[in-house]
C-alpha atoms as a PDB file:
ATOM      1  CA  UNK A   1     -16.735  27.826 -10.092  1.00  0.00           C
ATOM      2  CA  UNK A   2     -15.461  27.437 -13.617  1.00  0.00           C
ATOM      3  CA  UNK A   3     -13.419  24.420 -14.612  1.00  0.00           C
ATOM      4  CA  UNK A   4     -11.180  24.262 -11.537  1.00  0.00           C
ATOM      5  CA  UNK A   5     -13.164  21.424  -9.971  1.00  0.00           C
ATOM      6  CA  UNK A   6     -14.663  19.722 -13.024  1.00  0.00           C
ATOM      7  CA  UNK A   7     -12.156  16.844 -13.091  1.00  0.00           C
ATOM      8  CA  UNK A   8     -13.046  15.865  -9.522  1.00  0.00           C
ATOM      9  CA  UNK A   9     -16.653  14.886 -10.232  1.00  0.00           C
ATOM     10  CA  UNK A  10     -18.061  16.660  -7.172  1.00  0.00           C
ATOM     11  CA  UNK A  11     -21.338  15.682  -5.545  1.00  0.00           C
ATOM     12  CA  UNK A  12     -23.706  18.300  -4.097  1.00  0.00           C
ATOM     13  CA  UNK A  13     -22.033  18.378  -0.685  1.00  0.00           C
ATOM     14  CA  UNK A  14     -18.599  18.699  -2.251  1.00  0.00           C
ATOM     15  CA  UNK A  15     -19.750  21.496  -4.550  1.00  0.00           C
ATOM     16  CA  UNK A  16     -20.843  23.475  -1.494  1.00  0.00           C
ATOM     17  CA  UNK A  17     -17.498  22.719   0.067  1.00  0.00           C
ATOM     18  CA  UNK A  18     -15.667  23.850  -3.077  1.00  0.00           C
ATOM     19  CA  UNK A  19     -17.624  27.121  -3.035  1.00  0.00           C
ATOM     20  CA  UNK A  20     -16.622  27.700   0.598  1.00  0.00           C
ATOM     21  CA  UNK A  21     -12.964  26.988  -0.106  1.00  0.00           C
ATOM     22  CA  UNK A  22     -13.084  29.359  -3.072  1.00  0.00           C
ATOM     23  CA  UNK A  23     -14.536  32.083  -0.846  1.00  0.00           C
ATOM     24  CA  UNK A  24     -11.719  31.591   1.665  1.00  0.00           C
ATOM     25  CA  UNK A  25      -9.086  31.709  -1.072  1.00  0.00           C
ATOM     26  CA  UNK A  26     -10.592  34.838  -2.621  1.00  0.00           C
ATOM     27  CA  UNK A  27     -10.796  36.554   0.761  1.00  0.00           C
ATOM     28  CA  UNK A  28      -7.184  35.693   1.524  1.00  0.00           C
ATOM     29  CA  UNK A  29      -6.118  37.088  -1.852  1.00  0.00           C
ATOM     30  CA  UNK A  30      -8.194  40.282  -1.683  1.00  0.00           C
ATOM     31  CA  UNK A  31      -7.325  41.215   1.889  1.00  0.00           C
ATOM     32  CA  UNK A  32      -3.807  39.847   2.094  1.00  0.00           C
ATOM     33  CA  UNK A  33      -4.613  37.755   5.160  1.00  0.00           C
ATOM     34  CA  UNK A  34      -4.411  34.105   6.193  1.00  0.00           C
ATOM     35  CA  UNK A  35      -7.519  31.995   5.872  1.00  0.00           C
ATOM     36  CA  UNK A  36      -7.854  28.379   6.932  1.00  0.00           C
ATOM     37  CA  UNK A  37     -10.213  25.454   6.417  1.00  0.00           C
ATOM     38  CA  UNK A  38     -11.111  22.947   9.155  1.00  0.00           C
ATOM     39  CA  UNK A  39      -9.195  19.651   9.215  1.00  0.00           C
ATOM     40  CA  UNK A  40      -9.703  17.877   5.885  1.00  0.00           C
ATOM     41  CA  UNK A  41      -9.287  14.319   4.671  1.00  0.00           C
ATOM     42  CA  UNK A  42      -7.387  13.454   1.496  1.00  0.00           C
ATOM     43  CA  UNK A  43     -10.376  13.949  -0.805  1.00  0.00           C
ATOM     44  CA  UNK A  44     -11.271  17.294   0.738  1.00  0.00           C
ATOM     45  CA  UNK A  45      -7.678  18.477   0.431  1.00  0.00           C
ATOM     46  CA  UNK A  46      -7.822  17.750  -3.307  1.00  0.00           C
ATOM     47  CA  UNK A  47     -10.832  20.056  -3.530  1.00  0.00           C
ATOM     48  CA  UNK A  48      -9.043  22.748  -1.519  1.00  0.00           C
ATOM     49  CA  UNK A  49      -5.994  22.432  -3.779  1.00  0.00           C
ATOM     50  CA  UNK A  50      -8.150  23.464  -6.738  1.00  0.00           C
ATOM     51  CA  UNK A  51      -9.256  26.559  -4.837  1.00  0.00           C
ATOM     52  CA  UNK A  52      -5.565  27.369  -4.398  1.00  0.00           C
ATOM     53  CA  UNK A  53      -5.577  28.401  -8.066  1.00  0.00           C
ATOM     54  CA  UNK A  54      -7.247  31.587  -6.794  1.00  0.00           C
ATOM     55  CA  UNK A  55      -4.726  32.216  -4.023  1.00  0.00           C
ATOM     56  CA  UNK A  56      -1.579  30.302  -3.011  1.00  0.00           C
ATOM     57  CA  UNK A  57      -2.185  27.685  -0.364  1.00  0.00           C
ATOM     58  CA  UNK A  58      -0.967  24.450   1.157  1.00  0.00           C
ATOM     59  CA  UNK A  59      -2.029  21.800   3.696  1.00  0.00           C
ATOM     60  CA  UNK A  60      -0.467  21.171   7.099  1.00  0.00           C
ATOM     61  CA  UNK A  61      -1.625  18.796   9.816  1.00  0.00           C
ATOM     62  CA  UNK A  62       0.792  19.553  12.642  1.00  0.00           C
ATOM     63  CA  UNK A  63       3.602  17.282  11.440  1.00  0.00           C
ATOM     64  CA  UNK A  64       5.055  16.069   8.154  1.00  0.00           C
ATOM     65  CA  UNK A  65       3.008  13.307   6.572  1.00  0.00           C
ATOM     66  CA  UNK A  66      -0.240  13.964   8.435  1.00  0.00           C
ATOM     67  CA  UNK A  67      -3.265  12.250   6.889  1.00  0.00           C
ATOM     68  CA  UNK A  68      -5.761  14.874   8.068  1.00  0.00           C
ATOM     69  CA  UNK A  69      -4.678  18.470   7.532  1.00  0.00           C
ATOM     70  CA  UNK A  70      -5.860  22.063   7.535  1.00  0.00           C
ATOM     71  CA  UNK A  71      -5.549  23.904   4.215  1.00  0.00           C
ATOM     72  CA  UNK A  72      -4.274  27.454   4.476  1.00  0.00           C
ATOM     73  CA  UNK A  73      -4.484  30.248   1.895  1.00  0.00           C
ATOM     74  CA  UNK A  74      -2.350  33.386   1.770  1.00  0.00           C
ATOM     75  CA  UNK A  75      -1.423  35.749  -1.078  1.00  0.00           C
ATOM     76  CA  UNK A  76       2.143  35.748   0.261  1.00  0.00           C
ATOM     77  CA  UNK A  77       2.963  32.061   0.039  1.00  0.00           C
ATOM     78  CA  UNK A  78       6.195  32.517   2.031  1.00  0.00           C
ATOM     79  CA  UNK A  79       4.177  33.789   4.999  1.00  0.00           C
ATOM     80  CA  UNK A  80       2.216  30.535   5.231  1.00  0.00           C
ATOM     81  CA  UNK A  81       4.673  28.871   7.618  1.00  0.00           C
ATOM     82  CA  UNK A  82       3.846  25.907   9.846  1.00  0.00           C
ATOM     83  CA  UNK A  83       3.552  28.019  12.992  1.00  0.00           C
ATOM     84  CA  UNK A  84       0.681  30.182  11.664  1.00  0.00           C
ATOM     85  CA  UNK A  85      -1.678  27.227  11.178  1.00  0.00           C
ATOM     86  CA  UNK A  86      -4.383  27.120  13.892  1.00  0.00           C
ATOM     87  CA  UNK A  87      -3.344  23.744  15.303  1.00  0.00           C
ATOM     88  CA  UNK A  88      -2.789  22.743  18.909  1.00  0.00           C
ATOM     89  CA  UNK A  89      -1.860  19.426  20.484  1.00  0.00           C
ATOM     90  CA  UNK A  90      -3.254  17.542  23.453  1.00  0.00           C
ATOM     91  CA  UNK A  91      -1.170  14.791  25.034  1.00  0.00           C
ATOM     92  CA  UNK A  92      -3.010  11.861  26.625  1.00  0.00           C
ATOM     93  CA  UNK A  93      -1.060   9.606  29.003  1.00  0.00           C
ATOM     94  CA  UNK A  94      -1.899   6.341  30.725  1.00  0.00           C
ATOM     95  CA  UNK A  95      -0.100   3.431  32.363  1.00  0.00           C
ATOM     96  CA  UNK A  96       1.996   1.433  29.911  1.00  0.00           C
ATOM     97  CA  UNK A  97       0.390  -1.827  31.009  1.00  0.00           C
ATOM     98  CA  UNK A  98      -3.025  -0.561  29.914  1.00  0.00           C
ATOM     99  CA  UNK A  99      -4.103  -0.796  26.299  1.00  0.00           C
ATOM    100  CA  UNK A 100      -5.752   2.105  24.492  1.00  0.00           C
ATOM    101  CA  UNK A 101      -6.059   2.286  20.711  1.00  0.00           C
ATOM    102  CA  UNK A 102      -6.873   4.880  18.069  1.00  0.00           C
ATOM    103  CA  UNK A 103     -10.514   3.796  17.855  1.00  0.00           C
ATOM    104  CA  UNK A 104     -10.918   4.074  21.646  1.00  0.00           C
ATOM    105  CA  UNK A 105      -9.605   7.637  21.634  1.00  0.00           C
ATOM    106  CA  UNK A 106     -11.665   8.736  18.639  1.00  0.00           C
ATOM    107  CA  UNK A 107     -14.801   7.275  20.221  1.00  0.00           C
ATOM    108  CA  UNK A 108     -14.173   9.241  23.401  1.00  0.00           C
ATOM    109  CA  UNK A 109     -13.631  12.448  21.419  1.00  0.00           C
ATOM    110  CA  UNK A 110     -16.853  11.973  19.474  1.00  0.00           C
ATOM    111  CA  UNK A 111     -18.769  11.323  22.726  1.00  0.00           C
ATOM    112  CA  UNK A 112     -17.999  14.934  23.664  1.00  0.00           C
ATOM    113  CA  UNK A 113     -20.192  16.019  20.724  1.00  0.00           C
ATOM    114  CA  UNK A 114     -17.360  17.797  18.935  1.00  0.00           C
ATOM    115  CA  UNK A 115     -17.219  17.865  15.156  1.00  0.00           C
ATOM    116  CA  UNK A 116     -14.846  15.536  13.334  1.00  0.00           C
ATOM    117  CA  UNK A 117     -13.538  18.473  11.305  1.00  0.00           C
ATOM    118  CA  UNK A 118     -12.011  19.950  14.490  1.00  0.00           C
ATOM    119  CA  UNK A 119      -9.783  16.905  15.005  1.00  0.00           C
ATOM    120  CA  UNK A 120      -6.722  16.026  12.965  1.00  0.00           C
ATOM    121  CA  UNK A 121      -4.552  12.944  13.261  1.00  0.00           C
ATOM    122  CA  UNK A 122      -4.317  10.915  16.455  1.00  0.00           C
ATOM    123  CA  UNK A 123      -0.867   9.402  17.015  1.00  0.00           C
ATOM    124  CA  UNK A 124      -0.815   6.522  19.491  1.00  0.00           C
ATOM    125  CA  UNK A 125       2.233   5.098  21.226  1.00  0.00           C
ATOM    126  CA  UNK A 126       2.913   3.106  24.394  1.00  0.00           C
ATOM    127  CA  UNK A 127       1.254   4.923  27.258  1.00  0.00           C
ATOM    128  CA  UNK A 128       0.823   8.143  25.291  1.00  0.00           C
ATOM    129  CA  UNK A 129      -1.210   9.595  22.435  1.00  0.00           C
ATOM    130  CA  UNK A 130      -1.131  12.994  20.774  1.00  0.00           C
ATOM    131  CA  UNK A 131      -4.287  14.560  19.354  1.00  0.00           C
ATOM    132  CA  UNK A 132      -4.012  17.390  16.837  1.00  0.00           C
ATOM    133  CA  UNK A 133      -6.939  19.770  17.100  1.00  0.00           C
ATOM    134  CA  UNK A 134      -8.110  23.341  16.545  1.00  0.00           C
ATOM    135  CA  UNK A 135      -7.350  25.835  19.355  1.00  0.00           C
ATOM    136  CA  UNK A 136     -10.965  26.176  20.502  1.00  0.00           C
ATOM    137  CA  UNK A 137     -11.275  22.445  21.228  1.00  0.00           C
ATOM    138  CA  UNK A 138      -7.932  21.771  22.956  1.00  0.00           C
ATOM    139  CA  UNK A 139      -8.954  23.133  26.416  1.00  0.00           C
ATOM    140  CA  UNK A 140     -12.162  21.078  26.313  1.00  0.00           C
ATOM    141  CA  UNK A 141     -10.259  17.869  25.665  1.00  0.00           C
ATOM    142  CA  UNK A 142      -7.698  18.578  28.375  1.00  0.00           C
ATOM    143  CA  UNK A 143     -10.456  19.340  30.874  1.00  0.00           C
ATOM    144  CA  UNK A 144     -13.045  16.670  30.074  1.00  0.00           C
ATOM    145  CA  UNK A 145     -11.117  13.507  29.190  1.00  0.00           C
ATOM    146  CA  UNK A 146     -10.259  11.605  32.356  1.00  0.00           C
ATOM    147  CA  UNK A 147     -11.078   8.078  31.158  1.00  0.00           C
ATOM    148  CA  UNK A 148     -10.889   6.213  27.863  1.00  0.00           C
ATOM    149  CA  UNK A 149     -12.544   2.826  27.707  1.00  0.00           C
ATOM    150  CA  UNK A 150     -12.514   2.553  31.512  1.00  0.00           C
ATOM    151  CA  UNK A 151      -8.807   3.387  31.721  1.00  0.00           C
ATOM    152  CA  UNK A 152      -7.816   6.458  33.705  1.00  0.00           C
ATOM    153  CA  UNK A 153      -5.852   9.014  31.686  1.00  0.00           C
ATOM    154  CA  UNK A 154      -4.199  12.397  32.167  1.00  0.00           C
ATOM    155  CA  UNK A 155      -4.659  15.022  29.432  1.00  0.00           C
ATOM    156  CA  UNK A 156      -2.549  18.133  29.025  1.00  0.00           C
ATOM    157  CA  UNK A 157      -2.258  20.822  26.378  1.00  0.00           C
ATOM    158  CA  UNK A 158       1.273  20.156  25.216  1.00  0.00           C
ATOM    159  CA  UNK A 159       3.322  18.744  22.372  1.00  0.00           C
ATOM    160  CA  UNK A 160       5.721  15.994  23.483  1.00  0.00           C
ATOM    161  CA  UNK A 161       9.295  16.440  22.305  1.00  0.00           C
ATOM    162  CA  UNK A 162       9.032  13.133  20.438  1.00  0.00           C
ATOM    163  CA  UNK A 163       5.768  12.293  18.696  1.00  0.00           C
ATOM    164  CA  UNK A 164       4.478   8.712  18.494  1.00  0.00           C
ATOM    165  CA  UNK A 165       5.096   7.254  15.051  1.00  0.00           C
ATOM    166  CA  UNK A 166       2.347   6.977  12.457  1.00  0.00           C
ATOM    167  CA  UNK A 167       1.145   3.394  12.826  1.00  0.00           C
ATOM    168  CA  UNK A 168       0.537   1.070   9.907  1.00  0.00           C
ATOM    169  CA  UNK A 169      -0.896  -2.375  10.575  1.00  0.00           C
ATOM    170  CA  UNK A 170       0.469  -5.011   8.147  1.00  0.00           C
ATOM    171  CA  UNK A 171      -2.282  -7.246   6.813  1.00  0.00           C
ATOM    172  CA  UNK A 172      -2.806  -9.903   4.177  1.00  0.00           C
ATOM    173  CA  UNK A 173      -5.772 -11.020   2.161  1.00  0.00           C
ATOM    174  CA  UNK A 174      -6.948 -12.816  -0.943  1.00  0.00           C
ATOM    175  CA  UNK A 175      -8.784 -11.068  -3.775  1.00  0.00           C
ATOM    176  CA  UNK A 176     -10.444 -12.537  -6.829  1.00  0.00           C
ATOM    177  CA  UNK A 177      -8.819  -9.861  -9.005  1.00  0.00           C
ATOM    178  CA  UNK A 178      -7.212  -6.428  -8.799  1.00  0.00           C
ATOM    179  CA  UNK A 179     -10.501  -4.721  -9.586  1.00  0.00           C
ATOM    180  CA  UNK A 180     -11.382  -1.990  -7.121  1.00  0.00           C
ATOM    181  CA  UNK A 181     -14.519  -3.748  -5.881  1.00  0.00           C
ATOM    182  CA  UNK A 182     -12.503  -6.881  -5.104  1.00  0.00           C
ATOM    183  CA  UNK A 183      -9.843  -4.921  -3.212  1.00  0.00           C
ATOM    184  CA  UNK A 184     -12.422  -2.918  -1.240  1.00  0.00           C
ATOM    185  CA  UNK A 185     -14.278  -6.144  -0.394  1.00  0.00           C
ATOM    186  CA  UNK A 186     -11.020  -7.667   0.837  1.00  0.00           C
ATOM    187  CA  UNK A 187      -9.937  -4.838   3.138  1.00  0.00           C
ATOM    188  CA  UNK A 188     -13.424  -4.143   4.539  1.00  0.00           C
ATOM    189  CA  UNK A 189     -14.344  -7.842   4.722  1.00  0.00           C
ATOM    190  CA  UNK A 190     -17.651  -7.041   3.045  1.00  0.00           C
ATOM    191  CA  UNK A 191     -19.309  -8.720   0.087  1.00  0.00           C
ATOM    192  CA  UNK A 192     -18.328  -7.659  -3.404  1.00  0.00           C
ATOM    193  CA  UNK A 193     -21.806  -6.212  -3.974  1.00  0.00           C
ATOM    194  CA  UNK A 194     -21.500  -4.127  -0.799  1.00  0.00           C
ATOM    195  CA  UNK A 195     -18.045  -2.973  -1.920  1.00  0.00           C
ATOM    196  CA  UNK A 196     -19.519  -1.915  -5.275  1.00  0.00           C
ATOM    197  CA  UNK A 197     -22.214   0.025  -3.415  1.00  0.00           C
ATOM    198  CA  UNK A 198     -19.549   1.914  -1.449  1.00  0.00           C
ATOM    199  CA  UNK A 199     -17.675   2.714  -4.648  1.00  0.00           C
ATOM    200  CA  UNK A 200     -20.740   3.898  -6.572  1.00  0.00           C
ATOM    201  CA  UNK A 201     -21.732   5.951  -3.525  1.00  0.00           C
ATOM    202  CA  UNK A 202     -18.512   8.003  -3.865  1.00  0.00           C
ATOM    203  CA  UNK A 203     -17.080   6.557  -0.627  1.00  0.00           C
ATOM    204  CA  UNK A 204     -13.759   5.441  -2.116  1.00  0.00           C
ATOM    205  CA  UNK A 205     -10.920   7.694  -3.228  1.00  0.00           C
ATOM    206  CA  UNK A 206      -7.389   7.254  -4.495  1.00  0.00           C
ATOM    207  CA  UNK A 207      -4.909  10.118  -4.015  1.00  0.00           C
ATOM    208  CA  UNK A 208      -7.850  12.413  -3.294  1.00  0.00           C
ATOM    209  CA  UNK A 209      -9.698  11.424  -6.468  1.00  0.00           C
ATOM    210  CA  UNK A 210     -13.070   9.751  -5.938  1.00  0.00           C
ATOM    211  CA  UNK A 211     -13.461   6.540  -7.942  1.00  0.00           C
ATOM    212  CA  UNK A 212     -16.973   5.418  -8.806  1.00  0.00           C
ATOM    213  CA  UNK A 213     -16.131   2.600 -11.210  1.00  0.00           C
ATOM    214  CA  UNK A 214     -15.969  -0.810  -9.466  1.00  0.00           C
ATOM    215  CA  UNK A 215     -14.030  -2.275 -12.410  1.00  0.00           C
ATOM    216  CA  UNK A 216     -11.070   0.123 -12.077  1.00  0.00           C
ATOM    217  CA  UNK A 217      -7.860  -1.827 -11.403  1.00  0.00           C
ATOM    218  CA  UNK A 218      -5.534  -1.035  -8.504  1.00  0.00           C
ATOM    219  CA  UNK A 219      -1.729  -1.360  -8.565  1.00  0.00           C
ATOM    220  CA  UNK A 220       0.979  -1.945  -5.984  1.00  0.00           C
ATOM    221  CA  UNK A 221       1.898   1.142  -3.967  1.00  0.00           C
ATOM    222  CA  UNK A 222      -1.471   2.821  -4.375  1.00  0.00           C
ATOM    223  CA  UNK A 223      -3.441   4.007  -1.358  1.00  0.00           C
ATOM    224  CA  UNK A 224      -7.193   3.911  -0.913  1.00  0.00           C
ATOM    225  CA  UNK A 225      -9.355   5.901   1.472  1.00  0.00           C
ATOM    226  CA  UNK A 226     -12.728   4.322   2.246  1.00  0.00           C
ATOM    227  CA  UNK A 227     -15.182   6.532   4.066  1.00  0.00           C
ATOM    228  CA  UNK A 228     -16.138   4.940   7.353  1.00  0.00           C
ATOM    229  CA  UNK A 229     -13.384   2.313   7.127  1.00  0.00           C
ATOM    230  CA  UNK A 230     -10.040   4.100   6.926  1.00  0.00           C
ATOM    231  CA  UNK A 231      -7.006   4.374   4.688  1.00  0.00           C
ATOM    232  CA  UNK A 232      -5.080   1.448   3.199  1.00  0.00           C
ATOM    233  CA  UNK A 233      -1.898   1.019   1.152  1.00  0.00           C
ATOM    234  CA  UNK A 234      -1.521  -1.902  -1.260  1.00  0.00           C
ATOM    235  CA  UNK A 235       2.050  -3.117  -0.763  1.00  0.00           C
ATOM    236  CA  UNK A 236       2.527  -6.225  -2.885  1.00  0.00           C
ATOM    237  CA  UNK A 237       0.582  -8.598  -5.099  1.00  0.00           C
ATOM    238  CA  UNK A 238       1.630 -12.237  -5.265  1.00  0.00           C
ATOM    239  CA  UNK A 239       1.391 -14.423  -8.331  1.00  0.00           C
ATOM    240  CA  UNK A 240      -2.082 -15.576  -9.264  1.00  0.00           C
ATOM    241  CA  UNK A 241      -3.109 -18.982  -7.942  1.00  0.00           C
ATOM    242  CA  UNK A 242      -4.464 -21.730 -10.187  1.00  0.00           C
ATOM    243  CA  UNK A 243      -7.938 -20.456  -9.437  1.00  0.00           C
ATOM    244  CA  UNK A 244      -6.900 -16.967 -10.554  1.00  0.00           C
ATOM    245  CA  UNK A 245      -6.952 -15.407  -7.095  1.00  0.00           C
ATOM    246  CA  UNK A 246      -4.255 -13.127  -5.691  1.00  0.00           C
ATOM    247  CA  UNK A 247      -2.490 -13.118  -2.328  1.00  0.00           C
ATOM    248  CA  UNK A 248      -2.153  -9.460  -1.384  1.00  0.00           C
ATOM    249  CA  UNK A 249      -0.141  -7.704   1.313  1.00  0.00           C
ATOM    250  CA  UNK A 250      -1.441  -4.327   2.436  1.00  0.00           C
ATOM    251  CA  UNK A 251      -1.260  -1.930   5.368  1.00  0.00           C
ATOM    252  CA  UNK A 252      -3.939  -0.058   7.264  1.00  0.00           C
ATOM    253  CA  UNK A 253      -3.388   3.327   8.871  1.00  0.00           C
ATOM    254  CA  UNK A 254      -4.301   3.091  12.570  1.00  0.00           C
END
């Protein structure tokens, strides 16, 4: 695979993924056709972006600013428009007085034994949610989902004229320092040793780059993705207290 991926520090699973993305890019270049990955998270998109050195490509998740996105490759970059990406939408509706959240919907989707890579972002509003998915899965969701967490719902294969907004939950916490292990411990509410284990296990990434050093410092405005926990944005860091601890404001993608 040459040096395209060397700066990413890939593990075995990611090296296999990089090889697959390279095959897709090469095929798209050689045959002059579109080729697409499944839905990818931020780290996986960084790997796919390296494969785009073989053939032009870009990510798209169904709307601007999507966290999970499909990466497409095509020798004619201008032909890789939004409408050619294999993405469909399923709208889920329920009574406004009922409460259904992102985690409830994702749990229901996973109970259908579908792969996470077939599902993109889930946008949740009042009484409605929109699920971005691959075409093969959309009919299954529309047909099978009639309840979420005991609440009756109606699912249709459609894209509402107005999408629910991407939701960020404002949160606050206290960290002993701006070291990565302290920040991860704060947002996950785990011990610092457990946070260090997540970091050394390649479960934490920043802007698609896996960080394995617990001592790395984090700055305001940076986002962190923690496998199994979600994505967070560090918004502001207050002045250090007398004990040297920091009051931190951050947001969680929900």
